[in-house]
């Protein structure tokens, strides 16, 4: 008769119990959204808008869109309110309260649509099921902040939430968001940087007008005033 220590028997028993759970967990995992932005189909729920279209294309499609001057980062934001403006096509924009558009360098990178209480999908789960089918997206969306649901795909994300009792959807170009964040960080770093005069050992903040007096040959750049002071430079009196 073979002898098996009791600890080995218990170990095998535990493995037999855990194995079905692991298989069940793996089979329950949903595949990620691999859809790319340019693969999103035209959907009637988006009312003719699509990420990647230019401002000129959006304006040609909806003349009520007003030209907005881009900010220092190349971002221009504007909104239209079809529900409150009688000049809009009531058929095309039926049940749409507000549409917000964000352009980066003249290209649409974020689209938000808020629907009215008359819209056909008023429950969030029903709305997600409908918008997923309309855009060929997976039906399972993980929870997001403030009770919404967000789906991250290949290069873009989709957020569904309830606003003022009615559904809304936001589609964002994630790569454009990264570009915007990088520009903000670079601008912040540039604002903190200072220029030193190697001849006088004085430094000048980037916003100081006296900076123009320094010749290019004598200039040295520091990431901030602390770095300049560690190098032995002092703040110019003209900038105090």
Protein backbone atom coordinates (compact mmCIF):
# COMPACT_ATOMS: atom_id res chain seq x y z
CA UNK A 1 0.00 0.00 0.00
CA UNK A 2 1.31 3.42 -0.92
CA UNK A 3 1.59 5.96 1.86
CA UNK A 4 0.74 9.63 1.14
CA UNK A 5 1.47 12.24 3.82
CA UNK A 6 -1.66 14.06 4.90
CA UNK A 7 -0.24 17.46 3.85
CA UNK A 8 0.15 16.26 0.26
CA UNK A 9 -3.43 15.05 0.17
CA UNK A 10 -4.67 18.41 1.47
CA UNK A 11 -2.57 20.27 -1.11
CA UNK A 12 -4.00 18.25 -4.00
CA UNK A 13 -7.50 18.79 -2.64
CA UNK A 14 -6.98 22.57 -2.53
CA UNK A 15 -5.69 22.58 -6.11
CA UNK A 16 -8.74 20.69 -7.27
CA UNK A 17 -10.96 23.28 -5.63
CA UNK A 18 -9.08 26.29 -6.99
CA UNK A 19 -8.62 25.09 -10.60
CA UNK A 20 -12.29 25.45 -11.63
CA UNK A 21 -12.33 28.95 -10.13
CA UNK A 22 -9.29 29.97 -12.16
CA UNK A 23 -10.80 28.60 -15.35
CA UNK A 24 -14.08 30.33 -14.65
CA UNK A 25 -12.33 33.62 -13.90
CA UNK A 26 -10.32 33.48 -17.14
CA UNK A 27 -13.37 32.69 -19.22
CA UNK A 28 -15.32 35.51 -17.56
CA UNK A 29 -12.72 38.15 -18.51
CA UNK A 30 -13.89 40.31 -21.37
CA UNK A 31 -11.50 41.12 -24.22
CA UNK A 32 -10.35 44.76 -24.30
CA UNK A 33 -11.71 47.20 -26.84
CA UNK A 34 -9.27 47.03 -29.75
CA UNK A 35 -11.23 49.34 -32.05
CA UNK A 36 -9.23 52.24 -33.47
CA UNK A 37 -10.57 55.76 -33.84
CA UNK A 38 -10.71 55.61 -37.62
CA UNK A 39 -12.75 52.40 -37.37
CA UNK A 40 -15.67 54.05 -35.59
CA UNK A 41 -18.68 53.91 -37.89
CA UNK A 42 -20.86 56.87 -38.75
CA UNK A 43 -23.65 56.86 -36.19
CA UNK A 44 -26.92 58.73 -36.26
CA UNK A 45 -26.56 59.22 -32.50
CA UNK A 46 -23.51 61.46 -33.12
CA UNK A 47 -25.50 63.71 -35.48
CA UNK A 48 -22.91 63.77 -38.24
CA UNK A 49 -19.89 64.58 -36.07
CA UNK A 50 -16.77 62.42 -35.93
CA UNK A 51 -13.42 62.81 -34.27
CA UNK A 52 -10.71 63.77 -36.75
CA UNK A 53 -12.88 66.11 -38.81
CA UNK A 54 -11.54 69.64 -39.29
CA UNK A 55 -13.21 72.78 -38.00
CA UNK A 56 -14.05 73.71 -41.59
CA UNK A 57 -15.78 70.36 -42.11
CA UNK A 58 -17.75 70.76 -38.90
CA UNK A 59 -18.74 74.31 -39.86
CA UNK A 60 -19.83 73.18 -43.32
CA UNK A 61 -21.98 70.47 -41.75
CA UNK A 62 -23.45 72.73 -39.06
CA UNK A 63 -23.30 76.44 -40.02
CA UNK A 64 -24.39 77.51 -36.52
CA UNK A 65 -20.98 76.57 -35.14
CA UNK A 66 -19.11 79.74 -34.22
CA UNK A 67 -15.41 80.20 -34.92
CA UNK A 68 -13.39 80.29 -31.69
CA UNK A 69 -9.83 81.52 -31.41
CA UNK A 70 -7.49 78.75 -30.20
CA UNK A 71 -5.71 79.26 -26.88
CA UNK A 72 -1.95 79.23 -26.43
CA UNK A 73 -1.95 75.43 -26.58
CA UNK A 74 -3.83 75.22 -29.88
CA UNK A 75 -7.14 74.23 -28.27
CA UNK A 76 -10.45 75.77 -29.36
CA UNK A 77 -13.70 74.90 -27.60
CA UNK A 78 -17.22 75.73 -28.68
CA UNK A 79 -20.77 74.53 -28.06
CA UNK A 80 -24.12 74.49 -29.84
CA UNK A 81 -27.58 74.16 -28.27
CA UNK A 82 -29.95 72.62 -30.81
CA UNK A 83 -32.77 72.15 -28.31
CA UNK A 84 -32.97 75.87 -27.54
CA UNK A 85 -32.13 77.26 -30.98
CA UNK A 86 -34.97 77.08 -33.56
CA UNK A 87 -32.52 77.55 -36.45
CA UNK A 88 -31.32 73.94 -36.10
CA UNK A 89 -32.73 71.10 -38.18
CA UNK A 90 -35.29 69.55 -35.81
CA UNK A 91 -35.08 66.20 -37.54
CA UNK A 92 -31.31 65.86 -37.44
CA UNK A 93 -30.95 67.23 -33.92
CA UNK A 94 -34.08 65.78 -32.36
CA UNK A 95 -33.73 65.10 -28.61
CA UNK A 96 -30.27 66.77 -28.44
CA UNK A 97 -29.83 69.48 -25.82
CA UNK A 98 -26.19 70.49 -26.17
CA UNK A 99 -23.12 69.49 -28.18
CA UNK A 100 -19.65 70.55 -27.05
CA UNK A 101 -16.70 70.40 -29.43
CA UNK A 102 -12.98 70.62 -28.69
CA UNK A 103 -10.48 71.15 -31.50
CA UNK A 104 -6.72 70.74 -31.28
CA UNK A 105 -4.81 72.44 -34.11
CA UNK A 106 -8.07 72.66 -36.03
CA UNK A 107 -9.02 68.98 -35.65
CA UNK A 108 -11.94 67.68 -33.58
CA UNK A 109 -10.49 65.69 -30.67
CA UNK A 110 -13.36 65.65 -28.17
CA UNK A 111 -17.10 65.41 -28.72
CA UNK A 112 -19.72 65.62 -25.96
CA UNK A 113 -23.43 65.23 -26.62
CA UNK A 114 -26.09 65.76 -23.97
CA UNK A 115 -29.49 64.38 -24.82
CA UNK A 116 -32.93 65.59 -23.73
CA UNK A 117 -35.46 63.74 -21.56
CA UNK A 118 -37.30 62.83 -24.78
CA UNK A 119 -34.33 60.77 -26.05
CA UNK A 120 -35.18 57.10 -26.64
CA UNK A 121 -32.61 55.63 -24.18
CA UNK A 122 -33.11 57.20 -20.74
CA UNK A 123 -31.70 54.46 -18.51
CA UNK A 124 -27.87 54.40 -18.39
CA UNK A 125 -27.65 50.64 -19.00
CA UNK A 126 -30.06 50.89 -21.91
CA UNK A 127 -28.17 53.89 -23.27
CA UNK A 128 -24.82 52.05 -23.13
CA UNK A 129 -26.34 49.02 -24.83
CA UNK A 130 -27.74 51.21 -27.61
CA UNK A 131 -24.67 53.38 -28.15
CA UNK A 132 -22.40 50.29 -28.08
CA UNK A 133 -24.41 48.68 -30.85
CA UNK A 134 -24.48 51.93 -32.83
CA UNK A 135 -20.68 52.36 -32.64
CA UNK A 136 -19.72 48.66 -32.80
CA UNK A 137 -18.26 48.81 -29.28
CA UNK A 138 -18.11 46.07 -26.62
CA UNK A 139 -21.22 46.02 -24.45
CA UNK A 140 -19.36 45.87 -21.12
CA UNK A 141 -18.15 49.27 -19.87
CA UNK A 142 -16.25 49.55 -16.55
CA UNK A 143 -17.57 51.99 -13.91
CA UNK A 144 -16.27 55.58 -14.01
CA UNK A 145 -16.48 58.55 -11.67
CA UNK A 146 -19.83 60.00 -10.63
CA UNK A 147 -21.77 56.91 -11.57
CA UNK A 148 -20.82 56.88 -15.24
CA UNK A 149 -19.22 54.16 -17.36
CA UNK A 150 -16.08 54.49 -19.46
CA UNK A 151 -14.68 52.33 -22.21
CA UNK A 152 -11.05 52.69 -23.28
CA UNK A 153 -10.20 51.58 -26.78
CA UNK A 154 -7.11 51.82 -28.99
CA UNK A 155 -6.31 55.54 -28.92
CA UNK A 156 -9.67 56.86 -27.75
CA UNK A 157 -12.14 56.56 -24.89
CA UNK A 158 -15.91 56.80 -24.55
CA UNK A 159 -17.66 58.02 -21.41
CA UNK A 160 -21.39 57.65 -20.77
CA UNK A 161 -23.10 59.36 -17.85
CA UNK A 162 -26.38 60.85 -16.72
CA UNK A 163 -26.53 64.65 -16.71
CA UNK A 164 -29.62 66.42 -15.38
CA UNK A 165 -31.51 63.14 -15.52
CA UNK A 166 -30.71 62.38 -19.17
CA UNK A 167 -27.87 60.46 -20.86
CA UNK A 168 -24.75 61.97 -22.36
CA UNK A 169 -21.74 60.61 -24.22
CA UNK A 170 -18.20 61.93 -24.59
CA UNK A 171 -15.72 60.57 -27.13
CA UNK A 172 -12.11 61.69 -26.66
CA UNK A 173 -8.95 61.24 -28.66
CA UNK A 174 -6.48 60.02 -26.00
CA UNK A 175 -3.40 60.83 -28.08
CA UNK A 176 -4.61 64.42 -28.53
CA UNK A 177 -5.13 64.67 -24.76
CA UNK A 178 -1.52 63.59 -24.24
CA UNK A 179 -0.33 66.22 -26.73
CA UNK A 180 -2.30 68.88 -24.89
CA UNK A 181 -0.91 67.77 -21.51
CA UNK A 182 2.65 67.85 -22.88
CA UNK A 183 2.20 71.38 -24.19
CA UNK A 184 0.88 72.54 -20.83
CA UNK A 185 3.83 70.97 -19.02
CA UNK A 186 6.29 72.54 -21.43
CA UNK A 187 4.64 75.93 -21.02
CA UNK A 188 4.77 75.62 -17.24
CA UNK A 189 8.45 74.68 -17.41
CA UNK A 190 9.18 77.62 -19.71
CA UNK A 191 7.39 79.97 -17.32
CA UNK A 192 9.62 78.80 -14.46
CA UNK A 193 12.85 79.05 -16.45
CA UNK A 194 15.22 81.98 -16.07
CA UNK A 195 17.99 83.42 -18.23
CA UNK A 196 21.36 84.25 -16.74
CA UNK A 197 23.86 86.83 -17.89
CA UNK A 198 27.25 85.11 -17.76
CA UNK A 199 29.05 88.45 -17.72
CA UNK A 200 27.17 90.09 -14.80
CA UNK A 201 26.15 86.86 -13.01
CA UNK A 202 22.57 88.14 -12.82
CA UNK A 203 19.49 86.13 -13.78
CA UNK A 204 16.22 87.31 -15.32
CA UNK A 205 12.80 85.58 -15.12
CA UNK A 206 11.30 84.83 -18.53
CA UNK A 207 8.64 87.52 -18.05
CA UNK A 208 11.09 90.32 -17.20
CA UNK A 209 11.40 92.96 -19.93
CA UNK A 210 15.00 93.71 -18.93
CA UNK A 211 15.88 90.30 -20.31
CA UNK A 212 16.18 91.90 -23.74
CA UNK A 213 19.33 93.72 -22.65
CA UNK A 214 21.34 90.47 -22.49
CA UNK A 215 23.27 89.60 -25.62
CA UNK A 216 22.76 86.13 -27.04
CA UNK A 217 26.42 85.33 -26.53
CA UNK A 218 26.17 85.93 -22.78
CA UNK A 219 22.91 84.08 -22.18
CA UNK A 220 22.63 80.85 -20.22
CA UNK A 221 19.32 79.14 -19.45
CA UNK A 222 18.34 77.65 -16.08
CA UNK A 223 15.24 75.56 -15.43
CA UNK A 224 14.31 77.79 -12.46
CA UNK A 225 15.66 80.45 -10.11
CA UNK A 226 16.92 77.84 -7.62
CA UNK A 227 19.21 76.34 -10.23
CA UNK A 228 20.46 79.82 -11.16
CA UNK A 229 21.17 80.76 -7.55
CA UNK A 230 23.00 77.50 -6.93
CA UNK A 231 25.23 78.44 -9.87
CA UNK A 232 26.07 81.75 -8.17
CA UNK A 233 23.64 84.03 -10.05
CA UNK A 234 21.53 86.71 -8.38
CA UNK A 235 18.19 88.18 -9.37
CA UNK A 236 18.60 91.31 -11.48
CA UNK A 237 17.37 94.45 -9.73
CA UNK A 238 15.39 95.43 -12.84
CA UNK A 239 13.19 92.34 -12.30
CA UNK A 240 12.48 92.79 -8.59
